[in-house]
Amino acid sequence: MVRERAYNSRMEISFAPDLEAKLNRIASQTGKEPGQIVRELVASHLDHQEWFTQEVGKGLASLDSGKSISHDEVRHQMERILGS
């Protein structure tokens, strides 16, 4: 039987005074602890970075398999999407 250990390690980071003040202000406005806001931001950033890396990999795999479109095709598609 494998037991999961409770999360209890700590990490210390330093912020520039203006960034720390902004973090404290936002924490106060939202009713959250500054550490909670930092954890949420880091988790969100890491999720996005993981997604972005996967999407770039998919795009590179498409290029490797010969699937691509020209610059003009991209421009025409964007004009249709944006209604230009």
N, C-alpha and C. Protein backbone atom coordinates (compact mmCIF):
# COMPACT_ATOMS: atom_id res chain seq x y z
N MET A 1 0.84 -1.18 0.00
CA MET A 1 0.00 0.00 0.00
C MET A 1 0.88 1.24 0.00
N VAL A 2 0.61 2.13 -0.95
CA VAL A 2 1.37 3.37 -1.05
C VAL A 2 0.57 4.47 -0.39
N ARG A 3 1.21 5.16 0.53
CA ARG A 3 0.55 6.27 1.22
C ARG A 3 1.03 7.59 0.63
N GLU A 4 0.08 8.45 0.36
CA GLU A 4 0.45 9.78 -0.10
C GLU A 4 0.82 10.63 1.10
N ARG A 5 1.93 11.33 0.96
CA ARG A 5 2.35 12.22 2.03
C ARG A 5 1.61 13.54 1.90
N ALA A 6 1.28 14.10 3.00
CA ALA A 6 0.65 15.41 2.99
C ALA A 6 1.65 16.45 2.51
N TYR A 7 1.16 17.40 1.77
CA TYR A 7 2.02 18.48 1.29
C TYR A 7 2.42 19.34 2.47
N ASN A 8 3.70 19.43 2.70
CA ASN A 8 4.14 20.27 3.82
C ASN A 8 5.48 20.95 3.56
N SER A 9 5.99 20.87 2.34
CA SER A 9 7.25 21.56 2.11
C SER A 9 6.98 23.03 1.80
N ARG A 10 7.92 23.85 2.08
CA ARG A 10 7.76 25.29 1.88
C ARG A 10 8.83 25.79 0.91
N MET A 11 8.48 26.85 0.25
CA MET A 11 9.41 27.52 -0.64
C MET A 11 9.34 29.00 -0.32
N GLU A 12 10.47 29.63 -0.28
CA GLU A 12 10.49 31.06 0.01
C GLU A 12 10.90 31.80 -1.25
N ILE A 13 10.13 32.83 -1.61
CA ILE A 13 10.49 33.66 -2.74
C ILE A 13 10.45 35.12 -2.30
N SER A 14 11.24 35.93 -2.96
CA SER A 14 11.29 37.35 -2.64
C SER A 14 10.70 38.15 -3.79
N PHE A 15 9.98 39.21 -3.44
CA PHE A 15 9.39 40.10 -4.43
C PHE A 15 9.96 41.50 -4.24
N ALA A 16 9.99 42.24 -5.33
CA ALA A 16 10.32 43.66 -5.23
C ALA A 16 9.23 44.31 -4.39
N PRO A 17 9.57 45.36 -3.64
CA PRO A 17 8.59 45.98 -2.75
C PRO A 17 7.27 46.37 -3.43
N ASP A 18 7.34 46.91 -4.65
CA ASP A 18 6.11 47.31 -5.33
C ASP A 18 5.25 46.11 -5.70
N LEU A 19 5.87 45.00 -6.09
CA LEU A 19 5.12 43.80 -6.42
C LEU A 19 4.52 43.16 -5.17
N GLU A 20 5.27 43.17 -4.09
CA GLU A 20 4.75 42.64 -2.83
C GLU A 20 3.56 43.47 -2.35
N ALA A 21 3.65 44.78 -2.50
CA ALA A 21 2.53 45.66 -2.10
C ALA A 21 1.30 45.36 -2.95
N LYS A 22 1.50 45.16 -4.24
CA LYS A 22 0.38 44.84 -5.12
C LYS A 22 -0.23 43.50 -4.75
N LEU A 23 0.60 42.51 -4.48
CA LEU A 23 0.12 41.19 -4.05
C LEU A 23 -0.70 41.30 -2.77
N ASN A 24 -0.19 42.04 -1.80
CA ASN A 24 -0.90 42.21 -0.53
C ASN A 24 -2.22 42.95 -0.73
N ARG A 25 -2.22 43.95 -1.62
CA ARG A 25 -3.45 44.70 -1.89
C ARG A 25 -4.51 43.79 -2.53
N ILE A 26 -4.10 43.01 -3.51
CA ILE A 26 -5.04 42.10 -4.17
C ILE A 26 -5.52 41.03 -3.21
N ALA A 27 -4.63 40.52 -2.40
CA ALA A 27 -5.03 39.51 -1.41
C ALA A 27 -6.07 40.09 -0.47
N SER A 28 -5.85 41.30 -0.02
CA SER A 28 -6.80 41.94 0.89
C SER A 28 -8.15 42.16 0.20
N GLN A 29 -8.13 42.58 -1.05
CA GLN A 29 -9.36 42.84 -1.79
C GLN A 29 -10.16 41.56 -2.05
N THR A 30 -9.46 40.46 -2.22
CA THR A 30 -10.14 39.20 -2.54
C THR A 30 -10.42 38.33 -1.32
N GLY A 31 -9.88 38.73 -0.18
CA GLY A 31 -10.08 37.94 1.03
C GLY A 31 -9.26 36.67 1.06
N LYS A 32 -8.19 36.66 0.31
CA LYS A 32 -7.31 35.49 0.26
C LYS A 32 -5.97 35.85 0.89
N GLU A 33 -5.26 34.82 1.28
CA GLU A 33 -3.89 35.01 1.76
C GLU A 33 -2.97 35.21 0.56
N PRO A 34 -1.92 36.01 0.70
CA PRO A 34 -0.99 36.20 -0.42
C PRO A 34 -0.43 34.88 -0.96
N GLY A 35 -0.14 33.96 -0.07
CA GLY A 35 0.39 32.66 -0.51
C GLY A 35 -0.59 31.90 -1.37
N GLN A 36 -1.88 32.02 -1.06
CA GLN A 36 -2.89 31.34 -1.86
C GLN A 36 -2.94 31.93 -3.28
N ILE A 37 -2.85 33.24 -3.36
CA ILE A 37 -2.85 33.90 -4.67
C ILE A 37 -1.64 33.46 -5.48
N VAL A 38 -0.47 33.40 -4.84
CA VAL A 38 0.74 32.98 -5.54
C VAL A 38 0.60 31.53 -6.02
N ARG A 39 0.07 30.65 -5.15
CA ARG A 39 -0.11 29.25 -5.56
C ARG A 39 -1.05 29.13 -6.75
N GLU A 40 -2.15 29.89 -6.72
CA GLU A 40 -3.10 29.86 -7.83
C GLU A 40 -2.47 30.37 -9.12
N LEU A 41 -1.71 31.45 -9.02
CA LEU A 41 -1.05 32.01 -10.20
C LEU A 41 -0.01 31.04 -10.77
N VAL A 42 0.77 30.44 -9.92
CA VAL A 42 1.79 29.49 -10.38
C VAL A 42 1.12 28.29 -11.04
N ALA A 43 0.07 27.75 -10.41
CA ALA A 43 -0.64 26.60 -10.99
C ALA A 43 -1.22 26.95 -12.35
N SER A 44 -1.81 28.13 -12.47
CA SER A 44 -2.39 28.58 -13.74
C SER A 44 -1.31 28.73 -14.80
N HIS A 45 -0.20 29.34 -14.43
CA HIS A 45 0.90 29.52 -15.38
C HIS A 45 1.46 28.18 -15.84
N LEU A 46 1.66 27.26 -14.91
CA LEU A 46 2.21 25.96 -15.28
C LEU A 46 1.25 25.18 -16.16
N ASP A 47 -0.06 25.25 -15.87
CA ASP A 47 -1.06 24.59 -16.73
C ASP A 47 -1.00 25.17 -18.13
N HIS A 48 -0.93 26.51 -18.23
CA HIS A 48 -0.86 27.15 -19.54
C HIS A 48 0.42 26.76 -20.27
N GLN A 49 1.53 26.76 -19.57
CA GLN A 49 2.81 26.41 -20.19
C GLN A 49 2.77 24.98 -20.72
N GLU A 50 2.19 24.07 -19.96
CA GLU A 50 2.08 22.67 -20.39
C GLU A 50 1.20 22.58 -21.64
N TRP A 51 0.04 23.26 -21.64
CA TRP A 51 -0.85 23.27 -22.79
C TRP A 51 -0.14 23.85 -24.01
N PHE A 52 0.53 24.99 -23.83
CA PHE A 52 1.21 25.66 -24.93
C PHE A 52 2.28 24.76 -25.54
N THR A 53 3.06 24.11 -24.70
CA THR A 53 4.11 23.22 -25.17
C THR A 53 3.52 22.07 -25.98
N GLN A 54 2.41 21.51 -25.51
CA GLN A 54 1.74 20.43 -26.25
C GLN A 54 1.23 20.92 -27.60
N GLU A 55 0.64 22.12 -27.62
CA GLU A 55 0.11 22.65 -28.88
C GLU A 55 1.23 22.95 -29.88
N VAL A 56 2.35 23.47 -29.41
CA VAL A 56 3.49 23.71 -30.29
C VAL A 56 3.98 22.37 -30.84
N GLY A 57 4.03 21.36 -29.99
CA GLY A 57 4.43 20.02 -30.45
C GLY A 57 3.52 19.49 -31.53
N LYS A 58 2.21 19.71 -31.36
CA LYS A 58 1.25 19.27 -32.39
C LYS A 58 1.51 20.01 -33.70
N GLY A 59 1.76 21.31 -33.60
CA GLY A 59 2.02 22.10 -34.81
C GLY A 59 3.29 21.64 -35.51
N LEU A 60 4.33 21.37 -34.74
CA LEU A 60 5.58 20.89 -35.34
C LEU A 60 5.40 19.51 -35.97
N ALA A 61 4.61 18.65 -35.33
CA ALA A 61 4.33 17.33 -35.89
C ALA A 61 3.58 17.46 -37.21
N SER A 62 2.64 18.43 -37.28
CA SER A 62 1.92 18.66 -38.53
C SER A 62 2.88 19.11 -39.63
N LEU A 63 3.77 20.01 -39.29
CA LEU A 63 4.76 20.46 -40.27
C LEU A 63 5.64 19.31 -40.73
N ASP A 64 6.07 18.48 -39.78
CA ASP A 64 6.92 17.34 -40.12
C ASP A 64 6.21 16.36 -41.06
N SER A 65 4.88 16.28 -40.94
CA SER A 65 4.13 15.36 -41.81
C SER A 65 3.69 16.04 -43.10
N GLY A 66 4.15 17.27 -43.33
CA GLY A 66 3.88 17.96 -44.58
C GLY A 66 2.60 18.78 -44.59
N LYS A 67 1.95 18.91 -43.46
CA LYS A 67 0.71 19.70 -43.39
C LYS A 67 1.06 21.14 -43.05
N SER A 68 0.81 22.02 -43.99
CA SER A 68 1.04 23.44 -43.73
C SER A 68 0.20 24.26 -44.69
N ILE A 69 0.05 25.55 -44.39
CA ILE A 69 -0.63 26.45 -45.30
C ILE A 69 0.25 27.68 -45.47
N SER A 70 0.04 28.37 -46.59
CA SER A 70 0.88 29.52 -46.91
C SER A 70 0.49 30.74 -46.07
N HIS A 71 1.37 31.72 -46.10
CA HIS A 71 1.12 32.97 -45.39
C HIS A 71 -0.16 33.62 -45.92
N ASP A 72 -0.34 33.61 -47.25
CA ASP A 72 -1.54 34.21 -47.84
C ASP A 72 -2.80 33.49 -47.39
N GLU A 73 -2.75 32.18 -47.27
CA GLU A 73 -3.92 31.43 -46.80
C GLU A 73 -4.25 31.81 -45.35
N VAL A 74 -3.25 31.96 -44.54
CA VAL A 74 -3.47 32.37 -43.15
C VAL A 74 -4.10 33.76 -43.13
N ARG A 75 -3.57 34.67 -43.93
CA ARG A 75 -4.10 36.04 -43.99
C ARG A 75 -5.56 36.03 -44.42
N HIS A 76 -5.89 35.25 -45.44
CA HIS A 76 -7.29 35.18 -45.90
C HIS A 76 -8.19 34.60 -44.82
N GLN A 77 -7.74 33.58 -44.14
CA GLN A 77 -8.54 32.99 -43.05
C GLN A 77 -8.76 34.01 -41.94
N MET A 78 -7.73 34.74 -41.57
CA MET A 78 -7.86 35.74 -40.51
C MET A 78 -8.79 36.87 -40.94
N GLU A 79 -8.73 37.27 -42.19
CA GLU A 79 -9.64 38.31 -42.67
C GLU A 79 -11.08 37.84 -42.60
N ARG A 80 -11.32 36.56 -42.95
CA ARG A 80 -12.69 36.01 -42.84
C ARG A 80 -13.15 35.98 -41.38
N ILE A 81 -12.26 35.55 -40.49
CA ILE A 81 -12.61 35.45 -39.07
C ILE A 81 -12.89 36.83 -38.49
N LEU A 82 -12.05 37.79 -38.83
CA LEU A 82 -12.17 39.14 -38.27
C LEU A 82 -13.13 40.02 -39.03
N GLY A 83 -13.62 39.53 -40.16
CA GLY A 83 -14.57 40.30 -40.94
C GLY A 83 -13.97 41.49 -41.65
N SER A 84 -12.68 41.42 -41.96
CA SER A 84 -12.01 42.53 -42.63
C SER A 84 -12.31 42.52 -44.12
